[in-house]
Amino acid sequence: MIGSRSAVAETLREPEAVIQSTSDPLARLYYRFYHRTMVGGKHLCVVVKVRQDDAFVVTAYLTDRAKKGIVLWPIEL
């Protein structure tokens, strides 16, 4: 993910989806699709751990699809 700092920041600011992890209820997975990455069109996933008084990025990675979990955003009515 070297050189992807601006994409990570954009994904956190303007995610296309935010999903609560099934394995860790304190982890939020922020997703945004990028057509041009070093390995073609991929979703960037930024994993954020959210605690009562803190939140921090755990990791970021490229993936073909979003993981299953509770969709927190966008909320479909």
PDB file of N, CA and C in Angstrom:
ATOM      1  N   MET A   1       0.809  -1.193   0.000  1.00  0.00           N
ATOM      2  CA  MET A   1       0.000   0.000   0.000  1.00  0.00           C
ATOM      3  C   MET A   1       0.859   1.266   0.000  1.00  0.00           C
ATOM      4  N   ILE A   2       2.163   1.086  -0.207  1.00  0.00           N
ATOM      5  CA  ILE A   2       3.046   2.244  -0.292  1.00  0.00           C
ATOM      6  C   ILE A   2       2.563   3.171  -1.399  1.00  0.00           C
ATOM      7  N   GLY A   3       2.484   4.443  -1.109  1.00  0.00           N
ATOM      8  CA  GLY A   3       2.044   5.423  -2.087  1.00  0.00           C
ATOM      9  C   GLY A   3       0.530   5.556  -2.176  1.00  0.00           C
ATOM     10  N   SER A   4      -0.199   4.920  -1.288  1.00  0.00           N
ATOM     11  CA  SER A   4      -1.668   4.945  -1.341  1.00  0.00           C
ATOM     12  C   SER A   4      -2.301   5.782  -0.228  1.00  0.00           C
ATOM     13  N   ARG A   5      -1.517   6.613   0.398  1.00  0.00           N
ATOM     14  CA  ARG A   5      -2.025   7.409   1.520  1.00  0.00           C
ATOM     15  C   ARG A   5      -3.228   8.258   1.131  1.00  0.00           C
ATOM     16  N   SER A   6      -3.182   8.895  -0.039  1.00  0.00           N
ATOM     17  CA  SER A   6      -4.312   9.745  -0.444  1.00  0.00           C
ATOM     18  C   SER A   6      -5.556   8.910  -0.731  1.00  0.00           C
ATOM     19  N   ALA A   7      -5.406   7.713  -1.289  1.00  0.00           N
ATOM     20  CA  ALA A   7      -6.548   6.832  -1.537  1.00  0.00           C
ATOM     21  C   ALA A   7      -7.150   6.343  -0.218  1.00  0.00           C
ATOM     22  N   VAL A   8      -6.311   6.054   0.756  1.00  0.00           N
ATOM     23  CA  VAL A   8      -6.798   5.642   2.075  1.00  0.00           C
ATOM     24  C   VAL A   8      -7.596   6.793   2.706  1.00  0.00           C
ATOM     25  N   ALA A   9      -7.066   7.999   2.637  1.00  0.00           N
ATOM     26  CA  ALA A   9      -7.765   9.165   3.193  1.00  0.00           C
ATOM     27  C   ALA A   9      -9.089   9.399   2.471  1.00  0.00           C
ATOM     28  N   GLU A  10      -9.097   9.282   1.143  1.00  0.00           N
ATOM     29  CA  GLU A  10     -10.329   9.464   0.369  1.00  0.00           C
ATOM     30  C   GLU A  10     -11.368   8.400   0.737  1.00  0.00           C
ATOM     31  N   THR A  11     -10.925   7.168   0.914  1.00  0.00           N
ATOM     32  CA  THR A  11     -11.834   6.081   1.276  1.00  0.00           C
ATOM     33  C   THR A  11     -12.471   6.341   2.636  1.00  0.00           C
ATOM     34  N   LEU A  12     -11.720   6.883   3.570  1.00  0.00           N
ATOM     35  CA  LEU A  12     -12.277   7.211   4.887  1.00  0.00           C
ATOM     36  C   LEU A  12     -13.229   8.403   4.823  1.00  0.00           C
ATOM     37  N   ARG A  13     -12.921   9.387   3.982  1.00  0.00           N
ATOM     38  CA  ARG A  13     -13.763  10.579   3.844  1.00  0.00           C
ATOM     39  C   ARG A  13     -15.037  10.299   3.063  1.00  0.00           C
ATOM     40  N   GLU A  14     -14.907   9.511   1.986  1.00  0.00           N
ATOM     41  CA  GLU A  14     -16.018   9.283   1.066  1.00  0.00           C
ATOM     42  C   GLU A  14     -16.145   7.802   0.723  1.00  0.00           C
ATOM     43  N   PRO A  15     -16.476   6.963   1.690  1.00  0.00           N
ATOM     44  CA  PRO A  15     -16.598   5.528   1.401  1.00  0.00           C
ATOM     45  C   PRO A  15     -17.842   5.240   0.556  1.00  0.00           C
ATOM     46  N   GLU A  16     -17.768   4.161  -0.205  1.00  0.00           N
ATOM     47  CA  GLU A  16     -18.949   3.695  -0.935  1.00  0.00           C
ATOM     48  C   GLU A  16     -19.775   2.760  -0.057  1.00  0.00           C
ATOM     49  N   ALA A  17     -19.107   2.165   0.946  1.00  0.00           N
ATOM     50  CA  ALA A  17     -19.795   1.291   1.902  1.00  0.00           C
ATOM     51  C   ALA A  17     -18.971   1.218   3.177  1.00  0.00           C
ATOM     52  N   VAL A  18     -19.675   1.035   4.299  1.00  0.00           N
ATOM     53  CA  VAL A  18     -19.029   0.783   5.589  1.00  0.00           C
ATOM     54  C   VAL A  18     -19.722  -0.440   6.183  1.00  0.00           C
ATOM     55  N   ILE A  19     -18.928  -1.443   6.533  1.00  0.00           N
ATOM     56  CA  ILE A  19     -19.451  -2.708   7.025  1.00  0.00           C
ATOM     57  C   ILE A  19     -18.830  -3.016   8.383  1.00  0.00           C
ATOM     58  N   GLN A  20     -19.666  -3.464   9.320  1.00  0.00           N
ATOM     59  CA  GLN A  20     -19.162  -3.909  10.623  1.00  0.00           C
ATOM     60  C   GLN A  20     -18.647  -5.327  10.462  1.00  0.00           C
ATOM     61  N   SER A  21     -17.454  -5.575  10.918  1.00  0.00           N
ATOM     62  CA  SER A  21     -16.837  -6.895  10.816  1.00  0.00           C
ATOM     63  C   SER A  21     -17.636  -7.950  11.576  1.00  0.00           C
ATOM     64  N   THR A  22     -17.722  -9.157  11.003  1.00  0.00           N
ATOM     65  CA  THR A  22     -18.386 -10.257  11.702  1.00  0.00           C
ATOM     66  C   THR A  22     -17.474 -10.869  12.760  1.00  0.00           C
ATOM     67  N   SER A  23     -16.170 -10.744  12.586  1.00  0.00           N
ATOM     68  CA  SER A  23     -15.234 -11.344  13.550  1.00  0.00           C
ATOM     69  C   SER A  23     -14.860 -10.406  14.687  1.00  0.00           C
ATOM     70  N   ASP A  24     -15.016  -9.098  14.487  1.00  0.00           N
ATOM     71  CA  ASP A  24     -14.690  -8.117  15.530  1.00  0.00           C
ATOM     72  C   ASP A  24     -15.714  -6.993  15.472  1.00  0.00           C
ATOM     73  N   PRO A  25     -16.667  -6.945  16.389  1.00  0.00           N
ATOM     74  CA  PRO A  25     -17.712  -5.923  16.347  1.00  0.00           C
ATOM     75  C   PRO A  25     -17.202  -4.487  16.503  1.00  0.00           C
ATOM     76  N   LEU A  26     -15.960  -4.321  16.910  1.00  0.00           N
ATOM     77  CA  LEU A  26     -15.387  -2.975  17.014  1.00  0.00           C
ATOM     78  C   LEU A  26     -14.690  -2.538  15.735  1.00  0.00           C
ATOM     79  N   ALA A  27     -14.591  -3.420  14.752  1.00  0.00           N
ATOM     80  CA  ALA A  27     -13.905  -3.109  13.495  1.00  0.00           C
ATOM     81  C   ALA A  27     -14.908  -2.690  12.430  1.00  0.00           C
ATOM     82  N   ARG A  28     -14.584  -1.602  11.741  1.00  0.00           N
ATOM     83  CA  ARG A  28     -15.389  -1.109  10.628  1.00  0.00           C
ATOM     84  C   ARG A  28     -14.543  -1.225   9.364  1.00  0.00           C
ATOM     85  N   LEU A  29     -15.155  -1.737   8.292  1.00  0.00           N
ATOM     86  CA  LEU A  29     -14.470  -1.909   7.007  1.00  0.00           C
ATOM     87  C   LEU A  29     -14.999  -0.851   6.047  1.00  0.00           C
ATOM     88  N   TYR A  30     -14.146   0.088   5.672  1.00  0.00           N
ATOM     89  CA  TYR A  30     -14.504   1.171   4.755  1.00  0.00           C
ATOM     90  C   TYR A  30     -14.060   0.757   3.357  1.00  0.00           C
ATOM     91  N   TYR A  31     -14.990   0.804   2.385  1.00  0.00           N
ATOM     92  CA  TYR A  31     -14.699   0.362   1.024  1.00  0.00           C
ATOM     93  C   TYR A  31     -14.911   1.474   0.013  1.00  0.00           C
ATOM     94  N   ARG A  32     -14.038   1.494  -0.989  1.00  0.00           N
ATOM     95  CA  ARG A  32     -14.179   2.377  -2.145  1.00  0.00           C
ATOM     96  C   ARG A  32     -13.511   1.690  -3.324  1.00  0.00           C
ATOM     97  N   PHE A  33     -14.171   1.704  -4.494  1.00  0.00           N
ATOM     98  CA  PHE A  33     -13.630   1.049  -5.679  1.00  0.00           C
ATOM     99  C   PHE A  33     -12.727   2.002  -6.444  1.00  0.00           C
ATOM    100  N   TYR A  34     -11.584   1.474  -6.881  1.00  0.00           N
ATOM    101  CA  TYR A  34     -10.631   2.218  -7.714  1.00  0.00           C
ATOM    102  C   TYR A  34     -10.399   1.430  -8.994  1.00  0.00           C
ATOM    103  N   HIS A  35     -10.641   2.092 -10.127  1.00  0.00           N
ATOM    104  CA  HIS A  35     -10.496   1.434 -11.424  1.00  0.00           C
ATOM    105  C   HIS A  35      -9.042   1.136 -11.763  1.00  0.00           C
ATOM    106  N   ARG A  36      -8.149   2.000 -11.334  1.00  0.00           N
ATOM    107  CA  ARG A  36      -6.733   1.846 -11.673  1.00  0.00           C
ATOM    108  C   ARG A  36      -5.895   1.689 -10.414  1.00  0.00           C
ATOM    109  N   THR A  37      -5.558   0.454 -10.123  1.00  0.00           N
ATOM    110  CA  THR A  37      -4.609   0.184  -9.046  1.00  0.00           C
ATOM    111  C   THR A  37      -3.444  -0.568  -9.672  1.00  0.00           C
ATOM    112  N   MET A  38      -2.459  -0.890  -8.879  1.00  0.00           N
ATOM    113  CA  MET A  38      -1.299  -1.617  -9.413  1.00  0.00           C
ATOM    114  C   MET A  38      -1.662  -3.022  -9.907  1.00  0.00           C
ATOM    115  N   VAL A  39      -2.869  -3.508  -9.525  1.00  0.00           N
ATOM    116  CA  VAL A  39      -3.314  -4.851  -9.934  1.00  0.00           C
ATOM    117  C   VAL A  39      -4.690  -4.805 -10.609  1.00  0.00           C
ATOM    118  N   GLY A  40      -5.017  -3.687 -11.238  1.00  0.00           N
ATOM    119  CA  GLY A  40      -6.301  -3.547 -11.929  1.00  0.00           C
ATOM    120  C   GLY A  40      -7.374  -2.951 -11.037  1.00  0.00           C
ATOM    121  N   GLY A  41      -8.618  -3.046 -11.481  1.00  0.00           N
ATOM    122  CA  GLY A  41      -9.745  -2.504 -10.723  1.00  0.00           C
ATOM    123  C   GLY A  41      -9.999  -3.306  -9.459  1.00  0.00           C
ATOM    124  N   LYS A  42      -9.921  -2.644  -8.316  1.00  0.00           N
ATOM    125  CA  LYS A  42     -10.094  -3.315  -7.017  1.00  0.00           C
ATOM    126  C   LYS A  42     -10.784  -2.381  -6.032  1.00  0.00           C
ATOM    127  N   HIS A  43     -11.356  -2.980  -5.008  1.00  0.00           N
ATOM    128  CA  HIS A  43     -11.874  -2.225  -3.873  1.00  0.00           C
ATOM    129  C   HIS A  43     -10.727  -2.016  -2.891  1.00  0.00           C
ATOM    130  N   LEU A  44     -10.618  -0.802  -2.385  1.00  0.00           N
ATOM    131  CA  LEU A  44      -9.697  -0.541  -1.289  1.00  0.00           C
ATOM    132  C   LEU A  44     -10.497  -0.702  -0.009  1.00  0.00           C
ATOM    133  N   CYS A  45     -10.018  -1.520   0.901  1.00  0.00           N
ATOM    134  CA  CYS A  45     -10.648  -1.713   2.209  1.00  0.00           C
ATOM    135  C   CYS A  45      -9.727  -1.123   3.265  1.00  0.00           C
ATOM    136  N   VAL A  46     -10.261  -0.198   4.054  1.00  0.00           N
ATOM    137  CA  VAL A  46      -9.525   0.377   5.174  1.00  0.00           C
ATOM    138  C   VAL A  46     -10.224  -0.092   6.450  1.00  0.00           C
ATOM    139  N   VAL A  47      -9.494  -0.816   7.277  1.00  0.00           N
ATOM    140  CA  VAL A  47     -10.048  -1.371   8.512  1.00  0.00           C
ATOM    141  C   VAL A  47      -9.771  -0.397   9.654  1.00  0.00           C
ATOM    142  N   VAL A  48     -10.846   0.031  10.314  1.00  0.00           N
ATOM    143  CA  VAL A  48     -10.751   0.987  11.411  1.00  0.00           C
ATOM    144  C   VAL A  48     -11.316   0.334  12.677  1.00  0.00           C
ATOM    145  N   LYS A  49     -10.551   0.395  13.740  1.00  0.00           N
ATOM    146  CA  LYS A  49     -11.008  -0.095  15.043  1.00  0.00           C
ATOM    147  C   LYS A  49     -11.623   1.093  15.769  1.00  0.00           C
ATOM    148  N   VAL A  50     -12.873   0.942  16.207  1.00  0.00           N
ATOM    149  CA  VAL A  50     -13.609   2.034  16.848  1.00  0.00           C
ATOM    150  C   VAL A  50     -13.853   1.664  18.301  1.00  0.00           C
ATOM    151  N   ARG A  51     -13.332   2.490  19.181  1.00  0.00           N
ATOM    152  CA  ARG A  51     -13.567   2.312  20.615  1.00  0.00           C
ATOM    153  C   ARG A  51     -14.326   3.521  21.127  1.00  0.00           C
ATOM    154  N   GLN A  52     -14.767   3.469  22.360  1.00  0.00           N
ATOM    155  CA  GLN A  52     -15.591   4.539  22.913  1.00  0.00           C
ATOM    156  C   GLN A  52     -14.902   5.902  22.829  1.00  0.00           C
ATOM    157  N   ASP A  53     -13.604   5.957  23.088  1.00  0.00           N
ATOM    158  CA  ASP A  53     -12.895   7.231  23.118  1.00  0.00           C
ATOM    159  C   ASP A  53     -11.786   7.337  22.076  1.00  0.00           C
ATOM    160  N   ASP A  54     -11.768   6.420  21.098  1.00  0.00           N
ATOM    161  CA  ASP A  54     -10.667   6.413  20.133  1.00  0.00           C
ATOM    162  C   ASP A  54     -11.073   5.638  18.887  1.00  0.00           C
ATOM    163  N   ALA A  55     -10.413   5.937  17.790  1.00  0.00           N
ATOM    164  CA  ALA A  55     -10.550   5.178  16.547  1.00  0.00           C
ATOM    165  C   ALA A  55      -9.213   5.258  15.820  1.00  0.00           C
ATOM    166  N   PHE A  56      -8.802   4.148  15.206  1.00  0.00           N
ATOM    167  CA  PHE A  56      -7.522   4.152  14.500  1.00  0.00           C
ATOM    168  C   PHE A  56      -7.548   3.125  13.371  1.00  0.00           C
ATOM    169  N   VAL A  57      -6.743   3.398  12.347  1.00  0.00           N
ATOM    170  CA  VAL A  57      -6.624   2.506  11.196  1.00  0.00           C
ATOM    171  C   VAL A  57      -5.761   1.317  11.594  1.00  0.00           C
ATOM    172  N   VAL A  58      -6.285   0.121  11.363  1.00  0.00           N
ATOM    173  CA  VAL A  58      -5.550  -1.104  11.657  1.00  0.00           C
ATOM    174  C   VAL A  58      -4.733  -1.529  10.446  1.00  0.00           C
ATOM    175  N   THR A  59      -5.369  -1.524   9.271  1.00  0.00           N
ATOM    176  CA  THR A  59      -4.696  -1.937   8.040  1.00  0.00           C
ATOM    177  C   THR A  59      -5.513  -1.465   6.850  1.00  0.00           C
ATOM    178  N   ALA A  60      -4.952  -1.608   5.671  1.00  0.00           N
ATOM    179  CA  ALA A  60      -5.646  -1.314   4.420  1.00  0.00           C
ATOM    180  C   ALA A  60      -5.153  -2.317   3.387  1.00  0.00           C
ATOM    181  N   TYR A  61      -6.067  -2.736   2.509  1.00  0.00           N
ATOM    182  CA  TYR A  61      -5.690  -3.716   1.488  1.00  0.00           C
ATOM    183  C   TYR A  61      -6.635  -3.621   0.298  1.00  0.00           C
ATOM    184  N   LEU A  62      -6.202  -4.175  -0.836  1.00  0.00           N
ATOM    185  CA  LEU A  62      -7.022  -4.239  -2.040  1.00  0.00           C
ATOM    186  C   LEU A  62      -7.708  -5.598  -2.097  1.00  0.00           C
ATOM    187  N   THR A  63      -8.960  -5.601  -2.584  1.00  0.00           N
ATOM    188  CA  THR A  63      -9.722  -6.841  -2.639  1.00  0.00           C
ATOM    189  C   THR A  63     -10.689  -6.807  -3.818  1.00  0.00           C
ATOM    190  N   ASP A  64     -11.135  -7.991  -4.234  1.00  0.00           N
ATOM    191  CA  ASP A  64     -12.090  -8.092  -5.337  1.00  0.00           C
ATOM    192  C   ASP A  64     -13.513  -7.761  -4.908  1.00  0.00           C
ATOM    193  N   ARG A  65     -13.843  -8.014  -3.636  1.00  0.00           N
ATOM    194  CA  ARG A  65     -15.209  -7.774  -3.164  1.00  0.00           C
ATOM    195  C   ARG A  65     -15.211  -7.491  -1.664  1.00  0.00           C
ATOM    196  N   ALA A  66     -16.306  -6.885  -1.240  1.00  0.00           N
ATOM    197  CA  ALA A  66     -16.466  -6.567   0.180  1.00  0.00           C
ATOM    198  C   ALA A  66     -16.776  -7.832   0.971  1.00  0.00           C
ATOM    199  N   LYS A  67     -16.312  -7.850   2.199  1.00  0.00           N
ATOM    200  CA  LYS A  67     -16.615  -8.969   3.099  1.00  0.00           C
ATOM    201  C   LYS A  67     -18.059  -8.871   3.584  1.00  0.00           C
ATOM    202  N   LYS A  68     -18.575 -10.007   4.048  1.00  0.00           N
ATOM    203  CA  LYS A  68     -19.917 -10.021   4.618  1.00  0.00           C
ATOM    204  C   LYS A  68     -19.876  -9.391   6.004  1.00  0.00           C
ATOM    205  N   GLY A  69     -20.994  -8.829   6.408  1.00  0.00           N
ATOM    206  CA  GLY A  69     -21.108  -8.203   7.713  1.00  0.00           C
ATOM    207  C   GLY A  69     -22.330  -7.319   7.750  1.00  0.00           C
ATOM    208  N   ILE A  70     -22.479  -6.582   8.802  1.00  0.00           N
ATOM    209  CA  ILE A  70     -23.608  -5.666   8.950  1.00  0.00           C
ATOM    210  C   ILE A  70     -23.294  -4.384   8.205  1.00  0.00           C
ATOM    211  N   VAL A  71     -24.126  -4.043   7.226  1.00  0.00           N
ATOM    212  CA  VAL A  71     -23.919  -2.819   6.444  1.00  0.00           C
ATOM    213  C   VAL A  71     -24.347  -1.628   7.300  1.00  0.00           C
ATOM    214  N   LEU A  72     -23.389  -0.763   7.599  1.00  0.00           N
ATOM    215  CA  LEU A  72     -23.658   0.439   8.396  1.00  0.00           C
ATOM    216  C   LEU A  72     -23.939   1.648   7.527  1.00  0.00           C
ATOM    217  N   TRP A  73     -23.377   1.637   6.327  1.00  0.00           N
ATOM    218  CA  TRP A  73     -23.580   2.751   5.387  1.00  0.00           C
ATOM    219  C   TRP A  73     -23.311   2.269   3.982  1.00  0.00           C
ATOM    220  N   PRO A  74     -24.046   2.605   2.960  1.00  0.00           N
ATOM    221  CA  PRO A  74     -25.251   3.400   3.066  1.00  0.00           C
ATOM    222  C   PRO A  74     -26.390   2.588   3.653  1.00  0.00           C
ATOM    223  N   ILE A  75     -27.242   3.270   4.372  1.00  0.00           N
ATOM    224  CA  ILE A  75     -28.402   2.595   4.972  1.00  0.00           C
ATOM    225  C   ILE A  75     -29.500   2.563   3.919  1.00  0.00           C
ATOM    226  N   GLU A  76     -29.988   1.373   3.641  1.00  0.00           N
ATOM    227  CA  GLU A  76     -31.081   1.227   2.671  1.00  0.00           C
ATOM    228  C   GLU A  76     -32.399   1.202   3.429  1.00  0.00           C
ATOM    229  N   LEU A  77     -33.317   2.030   3.005  1.00  0.00           N
ATOM    230  CA  LEU A  77     -34.628   2.098   3.667  1.00  0.00           C
ATOM    231  C   LEU A  77     -35.640   1.258   2.935  1.00  0.00           C
TER     232      LEU A  77
END
